Amino acid sequence: MPVIEVTLVAGRPATTIRSLLHELTEAATRALGCPAESVRVIAREVPPSHFCAGDVTIEERNRHHG
């Protein structure tokens, strides 16, 4: 049973997240040859203030490039 975990910055519409879950499930079934029912996909959303790259949070980056 494959488990795919994705961490995203919060703020995307639920329909976008649902599409991502679907596409990841489909990719796993194609690549691994397993049934969709066996694939688990977990999307975790974190606030922009809790996600950073290069010691700059997404919140800080958005403020400077807003």
N, C-alpha and C. Protein backbone atom coordinates (compact mmCIF):
# COMPACT_ATOMS: atom_id res chain seq x y z
N MET A 1 0.85 -1.17 0.00
CA MET A 1 0.00 0.00 0.00
C MET A 1 0.90 1.24 0.00
N PRO A 2 1.00 1.93 -1.12
CA PRO A 2 1.81 3.15 -1.15
C PRO A 2 1.14 4.29 -0.40
N VAL A 3 1.95 5.07 0.30
CA VAL A 3 1.47 6.26 0.99
C VAL A 3 2.27 7.44 0.45
N ILE A 4 1.56 8.43 -0.07
CA ILE A 4 2.18 9.63 -0.62
C ILE A 4 1.80 10.79 0.29
N GLU A 5 2.81 11.51 0.79
CA GLU A 5 2.55 12.66 1.65
C GLU A 5 3.06 13.92 0.97
N VAL A 6 2.22 14.95 0.96
CA VAL A 6 2.56 16.22 0.33
C VAL A 6 2.32 17.33 1.35
N THR A 7 3.29 18.21 1.49
CA THR A 7 3.13 19.37 2.37
C THR A 7 3.06 20.61 1.50
N LEU A 8 2.01 21.40 1.72
CA LEU A 8 1.76 22.60 0.92
C LEU A 8 1.52 23.80 1.82
N VAL A 9 1.84 24.96 1.29
CA VAL A 9 1.47 26.18 1.98
C VAL A 9 -0.05 26.33 1.86
N ALA A 10 -0.71 26.63 2.96
CA ALA A 10 -2.17 26.75 2.99
C ALA A 10 -2.64 27.90 2.11
N GLY A 11 -3.87 27.75 1.63
CA GLY A 11 -4.48 28.84 0.89
C GLY A 11 -5.05 28.47 -0.46
N ARG A 12 -4.81 27.24 -0.91
CA ARG A 12 -5.37 26.83 -2.20
C ARG A 12 -6.82 26.41 -2.03
N PRO A 13 -7.62 26.56 -3.08
CA PRO A 13 -9.02 26.12 -3.01
C PRO A 13 -9.11 24.60 -2.82
N ALA A 14 -10.17 24.15 -2.16
CA ALA A 14 -10.37 22.72 -1.94
C ALA A 14 -10.40 21.95 -3.25
N THR A 15 -10.93 22.55 -4.30
CA THR A 15 -10.99 21.86 -5.59
C THR A 15 -9.59 21.62 -6.16
N THR A 16 -8.67 22.52 -5.90
CA THR A 16 -7.29 22.34 -6.35
C THR A 16 -6.62 21.21 -5.59
N ILE A 17 -6.83 21.16 -4.28
CA ILE A 17 -6.27 20.08 -3.46
C ILE A 17 -6.86 18.74 -3.91
N ARG A 18 -8.15 18.71 -4.17
CA ARG A 18 -8.81 17.47 -4.61
C ARG A 18 -8.22 16.99 -5.92
N SER A 19 -7.96 17.92 -6.83
CA SER A 19 -7.34 17.57 -8.11
C SER A 19 -5.95 16.99 -7.90
N LEU A 20 -5.18 17.57 -7.00
CA LEU A 20 -3.85 17.06 -6.69
C LEU A 20 -3.94 15.63 -6.15
N LEU A 21 -4.86 15.39 -5.22
CA LEU A 21 -5.04 14.05 -4.65
C LEU A 21 -5.34 13.05 -5.76
N HIS A 22 -6.22 13.43 -6.66
CA HIS A 22 -6.58 12.55 -7.78
C HIS A 22 -5.38 12.26 -8.68
N GLU A 23 -4.66 13.31 -9.06
CA GLU A 23 -3.53 13.14 -9.97
C GLU A 23 -2.42 12.29 -9.34
N LEU A 24 -2.16 12.47 -8.05
CA LEU A 24 -1.15 11.66 -7.38
C LEU A 24 -1.58 10.20 -7.30
N THR A 25 -2.85 9.97 -7.04
CA THR A 25 -3.37 8.60 -7.02
C THR A 25 -3.20 7.95 -8.39
N GLU A 26 -3.58 8.67 -9.43
CA GLU A 26 -3.45 8.15 -10.80
C GLU A 26 -1.99 7.85 -11.14
N ALA A 27 -1.08 8.75 -10.75
CA ALA A 27 0.34 8.55 -11.04
C ALA A 27 0.86 7.30 -10.34
N ALA A 28 0.45 7.09 -9.11
CA ALA A 28 0.90 5.91 -8.37
C ALA A 28 0.37 4.63 -9.01
N THR A 29 -0.88 4.64 -9.44
CA THR A 29 -1.43 3.42 -10.07
C THR A 29 -0.70 3.12 -11.37
N ARG A 30 -0.37 4.14 -12.15
CA ARG A 30 0.37 3.92 -13.41
C ARG A 30 1.79 3.43 -13.14
N ALA A 31 2.49 4.10 -12.24
CA ALA A 31 3.89 3.79 -12.00
C ALA A 31 4.09 2.46 -11.27
N LEU A 32 3.19 2.15 -10.36
CA LEU A 32 3.36 0.97 -9.52
C LEU A 32 2.50 -0.21 -9.93
N GLY A 33 1.52 0.05 -10.79
CA GLY A 33 0.63 -1.03 -11.22
C GLY A 33 -0.27 -1.53 -10.11
N CYS A 34 -0.60 -0.67 -9.17
CA CYS A 34 -1.46 -1.06 -8.05
C CYS A 34 -2.85 -0.45 -8.23
N PRO A 35 -3.84 -1.03 -7.57
CA PRO A 35 -5.18 -0.45 -7.68
C PRO A 35 -5.28 0.86 -6.90
N ALA A 36 -6.12 1.76 -7.37
CA ALA A 36 -6.31 3.06 -6.71
C ALA A 36 -6.74 2.90 -5.26
N GLU A 37 -7.50 1.85 -4.99
CA GLU A 37 -7.99 1.62 -3.62
C GLU A 37 -6.86 1.39 -2.62
N SER A 38 -5.70 0.99 -3.12
CA SER A 38 -4.58 0.73 -2.20
C SER A 38 -3.70 1.95 -1.98
N VAL A 39 -3.92 3.01 -2.73
CA VAL A 39 -3.08 4.21 -2.65
C VAL A 39 -3.64 5.15 -1.58
N ARG A 40 -2.76 5.63 -0.72
CA ARG A 40 -3.12 6.62 0.29
C ARG A 40 -2.39 7.91 -0.03
N VAL A 41 -3.10 9.02 -0.06
CA VAL A 41 -2.48 10.32 -0.31
C VAL A 41 -2.89 11.26 0.82
N ILE A 42 -1.90 11.90 1.41
CA ILE A 42 -2.15 12.82 2.52
C ILE A 42 -1.62 14.19 2.11
N ALA A 43 -2.48 15.18 2.11
CA ALA A 43 -2.07 16.56 1.83
C ALA A 43 -2.13 17.34 3.14
N ARG A 44 -0.98 17.84 3.54
CA ARG A 44 -0.90 18.64 4.77
C ARG A 44 -0.68 20.09 4.37
N GLU A 45 -1.51 20.95 4.91
CA GLU A 45 -1.35 22.37 4.65
C GLU A 45 -0.78 23.04 5.89
N VAL A 46 0.20 23.90 5.67
CA VAL A 46 0.81 24.63 6.77
C VAL A 46 0.66 26.13 6.51
N PRO A 47 0.55 26.93 7.56
CA PRO A 47 0.44 28.37 7.37
C PRO A 47 1.71 28.93 6.72
N PRO A 48 1.60 30.00 5.94
CA PRO A 48 2.77 30.60 5.31
C PRO A 48 3.85 31.02 6.32
N SER A 49 3.45 31.27 7.54
CA SER A 49 4.42 31.67 8.57
C SER A 49 5.19 30.47 9.13
N HIS A 50 4.78 29.25 8.77
CA HIS A 50 5.43 28.04 9.28
C HIS A 50 6.16 27.27 8.19
N PHE A 51 6.40 27.88 7.06
CA PHE A 51 7.05 27.22 5.92
C PHE A 51 8.11 28.18 5.41
N CYS A 52 9.37 27.73 5.38
CA CYS A 52 10.41 28.64 4.91
C CYS A 52 11.34 27.96 3.93
N ALA A 53 11.98 28.76 3.13
CA ALA A 53 13.01 28.32 2.20
C ALA A 53 14.13 29.35 2.27
N GLY A 54 15.34 28.89 2.48
CA GLY A 54 16.45 29.83 2.58
C GLY A 54 16.32 30.78 3.75
N ASP A 55 15.76 30.30 4.86
CA ASP A 55 15.58 31.08 6.08
C ASP A 55 14.63 32.27 5.91
N VAL A 56 13.76 32.21 4.92
CA VAL A 56 12.74 33.23 4.71
C VAL A 56 11.40 32.52 4.64
N THR A 57 10.47 32.90 5.52
CA THR A 57 9.17 32.26 5.47
C THR A 57 8.41 32.71 4.22
N ILE A 58 7.46 31.92 3.82
CA ILE A 58 6.62 32.28 2.67
C ILE A 58 5.87 33.58 2.97
N GLU A 59 5.44 33.74 4.21
CA GLU A 59 4.76 34.97 4.62
C GLU A 59 5.67 36.18 4.41
N GLU A 60 6.93 36.07 4.84
CA GLU A 60 7.89 37.17 4.66
C GLU A 60 8.15 37.44 3.18
N ARG A 61 8.32 36.38 2.42
CA ARG A 61 8.56 36.54 0.98
C ARG A 61 7.38 37.24 0.30
N ASN A 62 6.17 36.82 0.67
CA ASN A 62 4.97 37.43 0.08
C ASN A 62 4.86 38.91 0.42
N ARG A 63 5.26 39.27 1.65
CA ARG A 63 5.22 40.68 2.05
C ARG A 63 6.18 41.52 1.21
N HIS A 64 7.33 40.94 0.88
CA HIS A 64 8.34 41.69 0.13
C HIS A 64 8.09 41.68 -1.37
N HIS A 65 7.37 40.67 -1.85
CA HIS A 65 7.12 40.55 -3.29
C HIS A 65 5.64 40.66 -3.64
N GLY A 66 4.83 41.03 -2.63
CA GLY A 66 3.38 41.07 -2.75
C GLY A 66 2.86 41.77 -3.91
